[in-house]
Amino acid sequence: MPLKGVRYRVVTTKTGKKVRLAFRGKGNVVEAKNLKTGKVHTPAEFKADRARAAKGKTRVRGKGKRG
């Protein structure tokens, strides 16, 4: 469902994935959707990410290249 008051752009990531971004205000991304899989990073998840970053905590992920 489209969000009100946003501008949409489709960008290609470094890995070649196409992602639709929704921008609000001064260029803040409020939603991101992977166009191939349909997975959406919602506005609520972006809000939680900003709150976590403000507290100085990073998102905990599984072992990857750094772990």
PDB file of N, CA and C in Angstrom:
ATOM      1  N   MET A   1       0.836  -1.164   0.000  1.00  0.00           N
ATOM      2  CA  MET A   1       0.000   0.000   0.000  1.00  0.00           C
ATOM      3  C   MET A   1       0.893   1.242   0.000  1.00  0.00           C
ATOM      4  N   PRO A   2       0.703   2.169  -0.904  1.00  0.00           N
ATOM      5  CA  PRO A   2       1.550   3.353  -0.976  1.00  0.00           C
ATOM      6  C   PRO A   2       1.406   4.235   0.264  1.00  0.00           C
ATOM      7  N   LEU A   3       2.508   4.855   0.632  1.00  0.00           N
ATOM      8  CA  LEU A   3       2.507   5.777   1.766  1.00  0.00           C
ATOM      9  C   LEU A   3       2.177   7.179   1.266  1.00  0.00           C
ATOM     10  N   LYS A   4       1.521   7.969   2.119  1.00  0.00           N
ATOM     11  CA  LYS A   4       1.180   9.332   1.734  1.00  0.00           C
ATOM     12  C   LYS A   4       2.352  10.263   2.026  1.00  0.00           C
ATOM     13  N   GLY A   5       2.568  11.210   1.133  1.00  0.00           N
ATOM     14  CA  GLY A   5       3.585  12.228   1.345  1.00  0.00           C
ATOM     15  C   GLY A   5       5.004  11.754   1.158  1.00  0.00           C
ATOM     16  N   VAL A   6       5.212  10.736   0.337  1.00  0.00           N
ATOM     17  CA  VAL A   6       6.570  10.242   0.092  1.00  0.00           C
ATOM     18  C   VAL A   6       6.871  10.263  -1.404  1.00  0.00           C
ATOM     19  N   ARG A   7       8.169  10.240  -1.713  1.00  0.00           N
ATOM     20  CA  ARG A   7       8.623  10.118  -3.096  1.00  0.00           C
ATOM     21  C   ARG A   7       9.326   8.777  -3.214  1.00  0.00           C
ATOM     22  N   TYR A   8       9.098   8.066  -4.290  1.00  0.00           N
ATOM     23  CA  TYR A   8       9.697   6.751  -4.488  1.00  0.00           C
ATOM     24  C   TYR A   8      10.818   6.814  -5.519  1.00  0.00           C
ATOM     25  N   ARG A   9      11.888   6.050  -5.265  1.00  0.00           N
ATOM     26  CA  ARG A   9      12.987   5.894  -6.203  1.00  0.00           C
ATOM     27  C   ARG A   9      13.399   4.434  -6.189  1.00  0.00           C
ATOM     28  N   VAL A  10      13.772   3.909  -7.340  1.00  0.00           N
ATOM     29  CA  VAL A  10      14.292   2.547  -7.416  1.00  0.00           C
ATOM     30  C   VAL A  10      15.796   2.655  -7.625  1.00  0.00           C
ATOM     31  N   VAL A  11      16.554   1.988  -6.754  1.00  0.00           N
ATOM     32  CA  VAL A  11      18.008   2.007  -6.840  1.00  0.00           C
ATOM     33  C   VAL A  11      18.515   0.578  -6.936  1.00  0.00           C
ATOM     34  N   THR A  12      19.678   0.427  -7.507  1.00  0.00           N
ATOM     35  CA  THR A  12      20.339  -0.866  -7.585  1.00  0.00           C
ATOM     36  C   THR A  12      21.484  -0.865  -6.587  1.00  0.00           C
ATOM     37  N   THR A  13      21.529  -1.878  -5.727  1.00  0.00           N
ATOM     38  CA  THR A  13      22.581  -1.963  -4.720  1.00  0.00           C
ATOM     39  C   THR A  13      23.875  -2.437  -5.366  1.00  0.00           C
ATOM     40  N   LYS A  14      24.950  -2.451  -4.583  1.00  0.00           N
ATOM     41  CA  LYS A  14      26.245  -2.902  -5.087  1.00  0.00           C
ATOM     42  C   LYS A  14      26.198  -4.361  -5.519  1.00  0.00           C
ATOM     43  N   THR A  15      25.303  -5.143  -4.907  1.00  0.00           N
ATOM     44  CA  THR A  15      25.207  -6.564  -5.234  1.00  0.00           C
ATOM     45  C   THR A  15      24.255  -6.834  -6.389  1.00  0.00           C
ATOM     46  N   GLY A  16      23.645  -5.783  -6.945  1.00  0.00           N
ATOM     47  CA  GLY A  16      22.774  -5.943  -8.098  1.00  0.00           C
ATOM     48  C   GLY A  16      21.295  -6.087  -7.775  1.00  0.00           C
ATOM     49  N   LYS A  17      20.926  -5.966  -6.514  1.00  0.00           N
ATOM     50  CA  LYS A  17      19.517  -6.071  -6.132  1.00  0.00           C
ATOM     51  C   LYS A  17      18.816  -4.743  -6.381  1.00  0.00           C
ATOM     52  N   LYS A  18      17.590  -4.799  -6.840  1.00  0.00           N
ATOM     53  CA  LYS A  18      16.800  -3.593  -7.037  1.00  0.00           C
ATOM     54  C   LYS A  18      15.929  -3.375  -5.810  1.00  0.00           C
ATOM     55  N   VAL A  19      16.010  -2.162  -5.266  1.00  0.00           N
ATOM     56  CA  VAL A  19      15.296  -1.816  -4.041  1.00  0.00           C
ATOM     57  C   VAL A  19      14.516  -0.538  -4.286  1.00  0.00           C
ATOM     58  N   ARG A  20      13.241  -0.543  -3.886  1.00  0.00           N
ATOM     59  CA  ARG A  20      12.422   0.675  -3.978  1.00  0.00           C
ATOM     60  C   ARG A  20      12.484   1.382  -2.638  1.00  0.00           C
ATOM     61  N   LEU A  21      12.917   2.658  -2.656  1.00  0.00           N
ATOM     62  CA  LEU A  21      13.031   3.447  -1.446  1.00  0.00           C
ATOM     63  C   LEU A  21      11.938   4.501  -1.415  1.00  0.00           C
ATOM     64  N   ALA A  22      11.380   4.752  -0.244  1.00  0.00           N
ATOM     65  CA  ALA A  22      10.383   5.808  -0.048  1.00  0.00           C
ATOM     66  C   ALA A  22      11.029   6.892   0.800  1.00  0.00           C
ATOM     67  N   PHE A  23      11.081   8.117   0.264  1.00  0.00           N
ATOM     68  CA  PHE A  23      11.699   9.251   0.948  1.00  0.00           C
ATOM     69  C   PHE A  23      10.627  10.196   1.453  1.00  0.00           C
ATOM     70  N   ARG A  24      10.841  10.733   2.666  1.00  0.00           N
ATOM     71  CA  ARG A  24       9.924  11.719   3.229  1.00  0.00           C
ATOM     72  C   ARG A  24      10.751  12.877   3.765  1.00  0.00           C
ATOM     73  N   GLY A  25      10.243  14.081   3.563  1.00  0.00           N
ATOM     74  CA  GLY A  25      10.904  15.264   4.124  1.00  0.00           C
ATOM     75  C   GLY A  25      12.213  15.576   3.427  1.00  0.00           C
ATOM     76  N   LYS A  26      13.261  15.690   4.221  1.00  0.00           N
ATOM     77  CA  LYS A  26      14.572  16.095   3.720  1.00  0.00           C
ATOM     78  C   LYS A  26      15.402  14.907   3.240  1.00  0.00           C
ATOM     79  N   GLY A  27      14.794  13.945   2.633  1.00  0.00           N
ATOM     80  CA  GLY A  27      15.537  12.812   2.097  1.00  0.00           C
ATOM     81  C   GLY A  27      15.689  11.658   3.055  1.00  0.00           C
ATOM     82  N   ASN A  28      14.874  11.607   4.097  1.00  0.00           N
ATOM     83  CA  ASN A  28      14.936  10.492   5.034  1.00  0.00           C
ATOM     84  C   ASN A  28      14.197   9.295   4.447  1.00  0.00           C
ATOM     85  N   VAL A  29      14.847   8.143   4.425  1.00  0.00           N
ATOM     86  CA  VAL A  29      14.221   6.929   3.914  1.00  0.00           C
ATOM     87  C   VAL A  29      13.298   6.381   4.985  1.00  0.00           C
ATOM     88  N   VAL A  30      12.030   6.169   4.633  1.00  0.00           N
ATOM     89  CA  VAL A  30      11.067   5.651   5.605  1.00  0.00           C
ATOM     90  C   VAL A  30      10.604   4.236   5.269  1.00  0.00           C
ATOM     91  N   GLU A  31      10.895   3.757   4.062  1.00  0.00           N
ATOM     92  CA  GLU A  31      10.524   2.393   3.698  1.00  0.00           C
ATOM     93  C   GLU A  31      11.438   1.911   2.592  1.00  0.00           C
ATOM     94  N   ALA A  32      11.785   0.634   2.638  1.00  0.00           N
ATOM     95  CA  ALA A  32      12.599   0.027   1.593  1.00  0.00           C
ATOM     96  C   ALA A  32      11.995  -1.328   1.245  1.00  0.00           C
ATOM     97  N   LYS A  33      11.848  -1.606  -0.063  1.00  0.00           N
ATOM     98  CA  LYS A  33      11.260  -2.863  -0.491  1.00  0.00           C
ATOM     99  C   LYS A  33      12.148  -3.519  -1.536  1.00  0.00           C
ATOM    100  N   ASN A  34      12.508  -4.777  -1.294  1.00  0.00           N
ATOM    101  CA  ASN A  34      13.258  -5.554  -2.262  1.00  0.00           C
ATOM    102  C   ASN A  34      12.276  -5.964  -3.356  1.00  0.00           C
ATOM    103  N   LEU A  35      12.525  -5.540  -4.585  1.00  0.00           N
ATOM    104  CA  LEU A  35      11.563  -5.784  -5.656  1.00  0.00           C
ATOM    105  C   LEU A  35      11.557  -7.225  -6.142  1.00  0.00           C
ATOM    106  N   LYS A  36      12.606  -7.978  -5.869  1.00  0.00           N
ATOM    107  CA  LYS A  36      12.635  -9.376  -6.303  1.00  0.00           C
ATOM    108  C   LYS A  36      11.910 -10.287  -5.310  1.00  0.00           C
ATOM    109  N   THR A  37      12.189 -10.104  -4.010  1.00  0.00           N
ATOM    110  CA  THR A  37      11.600 -10.988  -3.005  1.00  0.00           C
ATOM    111  C   THR A  37      10.325 -10.430  -2.397  1.00  0.00           C
ATOM    112  N   GLY A  38      10.148  -9.108  -2.453  1.00  0.00           N
ATOM    113  CA  GLY A  38       8.975  -8.490  -1.869  1.00  0.00           C
ATOM    114  C   GLY A  38       9.124  -8.150  -0.396  1.00  0.00           C
ATOM    115  N   LYS A  39      10.305  -8.434   0.193  1.00  0.00           N
ATOM    116  CA  LYS A  39      10.522  -8.139   1.605  1.00  0.00           C
ATOM    117  C   LYS A  39      10.568  -6.629   1.811  1.00  0.00           C
ATOM    118  N   VAL A  40       9.893  -6.153   2.882  1.00  0.00           N
ATOM    119  CA  VAL A  40       9.771  -4.722   3.139  1.00  0.00           C
ATOM    120  C   VAL A  40      10.365  -4.386   4.496  1.00  0.00           C
ATOM    121  N   HIS A  41      11.181  -3.333   4.536  1.00  0.00           N
ATOM    122  CA  HIS A  41      11.657  -2.753   5.790  1.00  0.00           C
ATOM    123  C   HIS A  41      10.712  -1.593   6.050  1.00  0.00           C
ATOM    124  N   THR A  42       9.819  -1.754   7.024  1.00  0.00           N
ATOM    125  CA  THR A  42       8.707  -0.836   7.233  1.00  0.00           C
ATOM    126  C   THR A  42       9.124   0.440   7.959  1.00  0.00           C
ATOM    127  N   PRO A  43       8.246   1.453   7.940  1.00  0.00           N
ATOM    128  CA  PRO A  43       8.530   2.678   8.694  1.00  0.00           C
ATOM    129  C   PRO A  43       8.754   2.410  10.187  1.00  0.00           C
ATOM    130  N   ALA A  44       8.039   1.466  10.764  1.00  0.00           N
ATOM    131  CA  ALA A  44       8.218   1.135  12.184  1.00  0.00           C
ATOM    132  C   ALA A  44       9.611   0.555  12.434  1.00  0.00           C
ATOM    133  N   GLU A  45      10.113  -0.251  11.502  1.00  0.00           N
ATOM    134  CA  GLU A  45      11.451  -0.816  11.648  1.00  0.00           C
ATOM    135  C   GLU A  45      12.524   0.266  11.508  1.00  0.00           C
ATOM    136  N   PHE A  46      12.318   1.230  10.602  1.00  0.00           N
ATOM    137  CA  PHE A  46      13.254   2.345  10.481  1.00  0.00           C
ATOM    138  C   PHE A  46      13.264   3.171  11.764  1.00  0.00           C
ATOM    139  N   LYS A  47      12.099   3.379  12.375  1.00  0.00           N
ATOM    140  CA  LYS A  47      12.011   4.133  13.618  1.00  0.00           C
ATOM    141  C   LYS A  47      12.775   3.412  14.728  1.00  0.00           C
ATOM    142  N   ALA A  48      12.630   2.088  14.809  1.00  0.00           N
ATOM    143  CA  ALA A  48      13.342   1.307  15.817  1.00  0.00           C
ATOM    144  C   ALA A  48      14.851   1.361  15.575  1.00  0.00           C
ATOM    145  N   ASP A  49      15.276   1.330  14.305  1.00  0.00           N
ATOM    146  CA  ASP A  49      16.697   1.429  13.974  1.00  0.00           C
ATOM    147  C   ASP A  49      17.275   2.764  14.422  1.00  0.00           C
ATOM    148  N   ARG A  50      16.526   3.853  14.202  1.00  0.00           N
ATOM    149  CA  ARG A  50      16.997   5.178  14.622  1.00  0.00           C
ATOM    150  C   ARG A  50      17.111   5.266  16.139  1.00  0.00           C
ATOM    151  N   ALA A  51      16.143   4.697  16.852  1.00  0.00           N
ATOM    152  CA  ALA A  51      16.179   4.706  18.318  1.00  0.00           C
ATOM    153  C   ALA A  51      17.362   3.893  18.823  1.00  0.00           C
ATOM    154  N   ARG A  52      17.629   2.753  18.197  1.00  0.00           N
ATOM    155  CA  ARG A  52      18.746   1.900  18.595  1.00  0.00           C
ATOM    156  C   ARG A  52      20.074   2.618  18.343  1.00  0.00           C
ATOM    157  N   ALA A  53      20.178   3.312  17.208  1.00  0.00           N
ATOM    158  CA  ALA A  53      21.405   4.035  16.881  1.00  0.00           C
ATOM    159  C   ALA A  53      21.621   5.204  17.836  1.00  0.00           C
ATOM    160  N   ALA A  54      20.546   5.843  18.275  1.00  0.00           N
ATOM    161  CA  ALA A  54      20.658   6.966  19.199  1.00  0.00           C
ATOM    162  C   ALA A  54      21.192   6.519  20.556  1.00  0.00           C
ATOM    163  N   LYS A  55      20.906   5.285  20.923  1.00  0.00           N
ATOM    164  CA  LYS A  55      21.401   4.752  22.186  1.00  0.00           C
ATOM    165  C   LYS A  55      22.829   4.232  22.057  1.00  0.00           C
ATOM    166  N   GLY A  56      23.363   4.236  20.842  1.00  0.00           N
ATOM    167  CA  GLY A  56      24.727   3.773  20.626  1.00  0.00           C
ATOM    168  C   GLY A  56      24.834   2.279  20.423  1.00  0.00           C
ATOM    169  N   LYS A  57      23.716   1.634  20.193  1.00  0.00           N
ATOM    170  CA  LYS A  57      23.729   0.184  19.990  1.00  0.00           C
ATOM    171  C   LYS A  57      23.564  -0.112  18.507  1.00  0.00           C
ATOM    172  N   THR A  58      24.222  -1.146  18.052  1.00  0.00           N
ATOM    173  CA  THR A  58      24.087  -1.538  16.660  1.00  0.00           C
ATOM    174  C   THR A  58      23.185  -2.748  16.566  1.00  0.00           C
ATOM    175  N   ARG A  59      22.730  -3.020  15.388  1.00  0.00           N
ATOM    176  CA  ARG A  59      21.852  -4.160  15.174  1.00  0.00           C
ATOM    177  C   ARG A  59      22.663  -5.451  15.282  1.00  0.00           C
ATOM    178  N   VAL A  60      22.155  -6.406  16.025  1.00  0.00           N
ATOM    179  CA  VAL A  60      22.838  -7.666  16.209  1.00  0.00           C
ATOM    180  C   VAL A  60      22.453  -8.600  15.068  1.00  0.00           C
ATOM    181  N   ARG A  61      23.455  -9.109  14.403  1.00  0.00           N
ATOM    182  CA  ARG A  61      23.207 -10.028  13.288  1.00  0.00           C
ATOM    183  C   ARG A  61      23.963 -11.319  13.525  1.00  0.00           C
ATOM    184  N   GLY A  62      23.666 -12.283  12.698  1.00  0.00           N
ATOM    185  CA  GLY A  62      24.379 -13.551  12.778  1.00  0.00           C
ATOM    186  C   GLY A  62      25.809 -13.388  12.302  1.00  0.00           C
ATOM    187  N   LYS A  63      26.594 -14.447  12.441  1.00  0.00           N
ATOM    188  CA  LYS A  63      27.991 -14.366  12.032  1.00  0.00           C
ATOM    189  C   LYS A  63      28.057 -14.161  10.516  1.00  0.00           C
ATOM    190  N   GLY A  64      28.854 -13.215  10.129  1.00  0.00           N
ATOM    191  CA  GLY A  64      29.029 -12.927   8.713  1.00  0.00           C
ATOM    192  C   GLY A  64      30.487 -12.703   8.411  1.00  0.00           C
ATOM    193  N   LYS A  65      30.791 -11.763   7.575  1.00  0.00           N
ATOM    194  CA  LYS A  65      32.162 -11.487   7.186  1.00  0.00           C
ATOM    195  C   LYS A  65      32.999 -11.011   8.374  1.00  0.00           C
ATOM    196  N   ARG A  66      32.371 -10.267   9.288  1.00  0.00           N
ATOM    197  CA  ARG A  66      33.117  -9.695  10.412  1.00  0.00           C
ATOM    198  C   ARG A  66      33.121 -10.603  11.643  1.00  0.00           C
ATOM    199  N   GLY A  67      32.215 -11.576  11.686  1.00  0.00           N
ATOM    200  CA  GLY A  67      32.067 -12.329  12.933  1.00  0.00           C
ATOM    201  C   GLY A  67      32.661 -13.644  12.913  1.00  0.00           C
TER     202      GLY A  67
END
